[in-house]
Each structure stands twice: as C-alpha cells, then as structure tokens.
C-alpha cells in the first residue's frame, strides 16, 4: 500500500512539473492571441483585421528571432491593460497600439 502511494505521488508530481513547464512555454502564445483578438474586437469595423493579425504575427516572429520574448510579453501585458479601460478603439488608437507592440523599439 505504501509503495503504491509513493508511486502515485511521484506520477502526480511529474505531471504537475510537466504542466507548469508546458504552460510557461505557451504563455506568450496564449497572451498574444488573447490581446490580438481583443484588439480586433475593439477596433472599428472598417479597420482591416488582416492588418492587425499581420502586425501581431510580425512582432511575435521578430521577438522570437531576436530573443526578445520577455520584452514582447511585457508590451502585450501593457496593451492588455490599455484595452481593459476602453470599450471601442479609434483607428488612430489601434495604430498606436500596434506600433507600441514592436519588441525592438524603445
């Protein structure tokens, strides 16, 4: 009985560690897609969704290529905070938000 309990605890521990590592690996992808969808929903109907998606994809690729995932994640979190405060975005606000996502610019 005791051995079974130890094996079960070890399996649960290993699964927990795997889950934590998996979530940390996909954290950027998750937040990226959540913020991208929020921008699309709050942008004016006339603002091209394809352009929003393209800018997000380009910035994600640039962040990975230049090893700046932490900076990009920080910018996504700031964008998310800004999006929480508004119901709708004007076109110029979308432009500014998209420009601010660039993980390389200061």
Protein backbone atom coordinates (compact mmCIF):
# COMPACT_ATOMS: atom_id res chain seq x y z
CA UNK A 1 0.00 0.00 0.00
CA UNK A 2 2.75 2.44 0.90
CA UNK A 3 4.67 1.76 -2.30
CA UNK A 4 1.57 2.41 -4.42
CA UNK A 5 1.06 5.74 -2.66
CA UNK A 6 4.66 6.77 -3.30
CA UNK A 7 4.40 5.83 -6.99
CA UNK A 8 1.11 7.71 -7.33
CA UNK A 9 2.59 10.78 -5.64
CA UNK A 10 5.64 10.65 -7.91
CA UNK A 11 3.45 10.40 -11.02
CA UNK A 12 1.33 13.34 -9.88
CA UNK A 13 4.46 15.37 -9.14
CA UNK A 14 5.94 14.62 -12.56
CA UNK A 15 2.65 15.52 -14.28
CA UNK A 16 2.49 18.77 -12.29
CA UNK A 17 6.02 19.74 -13.26
CA UNK A 18 5.26 18.91 -16.89
CA UNK A 19 2.12 21.03 -16.79
CA UNK A 20 3.96 24.00 -15.30
CA UNK A 21 6.73 23.77 -17.89
CA UNK A 22 4.20 23.40 -20.69
CA UNK A 23 2.18 26.41 -19.57
CA UNK A 24 5.25 28.60 -19.23
CA UNK A 25 6.29 27.61 -22.73
CA UNK A 26 2.92 28.57 -24.21
CA UNK A 27 2.30 31.64 -22.03
CA UNK A 28 3.46 34.05 -24.74
CA UNK A 29 1.35 32.37 -27.43
CA UNK A 30 -1.72 32.46 -25.19
CA UNK A 31 -1.40 36.12 -24.23
CA UNK A 32 -0.50 37.04 -27.81
CA UNK A 33 -3.72 35.54 -29.17
CA UNK A 34 -5.90 36.97 -26.37
CA UNK A 35 -4.62 40.52 -26.93
CA UNK A 36 -4.81 40.13 -30.71
CA UNK A 37 -8.47 39.09 -30.51
CA UNK A 38 -9.26 41.91 -28.07
CA UNK A 39 -7.77 44.48 -30.47
CA UNK A 40 -9.78 43.03 -33.36
CA UNK A 41 -13.00 43.16 -31.32
CA UNK A 42 -12.46 46.74 -30.16
CA UNK A 43 -11.13 48.13 -33.44
CA UNK A 44 -13.50 49.99 -35.76
CA UNK A 45 -15.40 47.72 -38.15
CA UNK A 46 -13.62 49.45 -41.04
CA UNK A 47 -10.14 48.66 -39.68
CA UNK A 48 -8.71 45.71 -41.63
CA UNK A 49 -8.47 42.62 -39.41
CA UNK A 50 -5.82 41.16 -41.70
CA UNK A 51 -3.56 44.13 -40.96
CA UNK A 52 -3.97 43.66 -37.20
CA UNK A 53 -3.17 39.95 -37.48
CA UNK A 54 -0.17 40.68 -39.71
CA UNK A 55 1.33 43.18 -37.25
CA UNK A 56 0.85 40.78 -34.34
CA UNK A 57 2.41 37.91 -36.30
CA UNK A 58 5.36 40.04 -37.43
CA UNK A 59 6.06 41.23 -33.88
CA UNK A 60 5.79 37.71 -32.49
CA UNK A 61 8.21 36.41 -35.12
CA UNK A 62 10.61 39.31 -34.53
CA UNK A 63 10.55 38.73 -30.76
CA UNK A 64 11.39 35.05 -31.20
CA UNK A 65 14.03 35.67 -33.84
CA UNK A 66 15.79 38.34 -31.75
CA UNK A 67 15.35 36.55 -28.41
CA UNK A 68 13.15 39.35 -27.06
CA UNK A 69 10.16 37.30 -25.94
CA UNK A 70 10.17 38.88 -22.47
CA UNK A 71 10.02 42.39 -23.92
CA UNK A 72 7.21 41.38 -26.26
CA UNK A 73 5.28 39.76 -23.40
CA UNK A 74 5.68 42.97 -21.38
CA UNK A 75 4.30 45.02 -24.28
CA UNK A 76 1.37 42.64 -24.69
CA UNK A 77 0.54 42.98 -21.00
CA UNK A 78 0.66 46.78 -21.22
CA UNK A 79 -1.60 46.67 -24.29
CA UNK A 80 -3.99 44.42 -22.39
CA UNK A 81 -4.18 46.93 -19.54
CA UNK A 82 -4.95 49.71 -22.00
CA UNK A 83 -7.63 47.61 -23.67
CA UNK A 84 -9.36 46.95 -20.34
CA UNK A 85 -10.11 50.65 -19.99
CA UNK A 86 -11.92 51.15 -23.31
CA UNK A 87 -14.98 49.72 -24.99
CA UNK A 88 -14.02 50.78 -28.51
CA UNK A 89 -10.83 51.95 -30.17
CA UNK A 90 -10.47 54.69 -32.75
CA UNK A 91 -8.34 53.94 -35.81
CA UNK A 92 -5.51 56.13 -34.54
CA UNK A 93 -5.58 54.30 -31.19
CA UNK A 94 -5.27 50.96 -32.99
CA UNK A 95 -2.34 52.32 -35.00
CA UNK A 96 -0.59 53.49 -31.82
CA UNK A 97 -1.25 50.24 -30.00
CA UNK A 98 0.10 48.18 -32.91
CA UNK A 99 3.18 50.40 -33.20
CA UNK A 100 3.86 50.04 -29.46
CA UNK A 101 3.95 46.24 -29.72
CA UNK A 102 7.29 46.20 -31.52
CA UNK A 103 9.63 44.31 -29.15
CA UNK A 104 12.74 46.04 -30.50
CA UNK A 105 11.86 49.74 -30.28
CA UNK A 106 12.37 51.62 -27.06
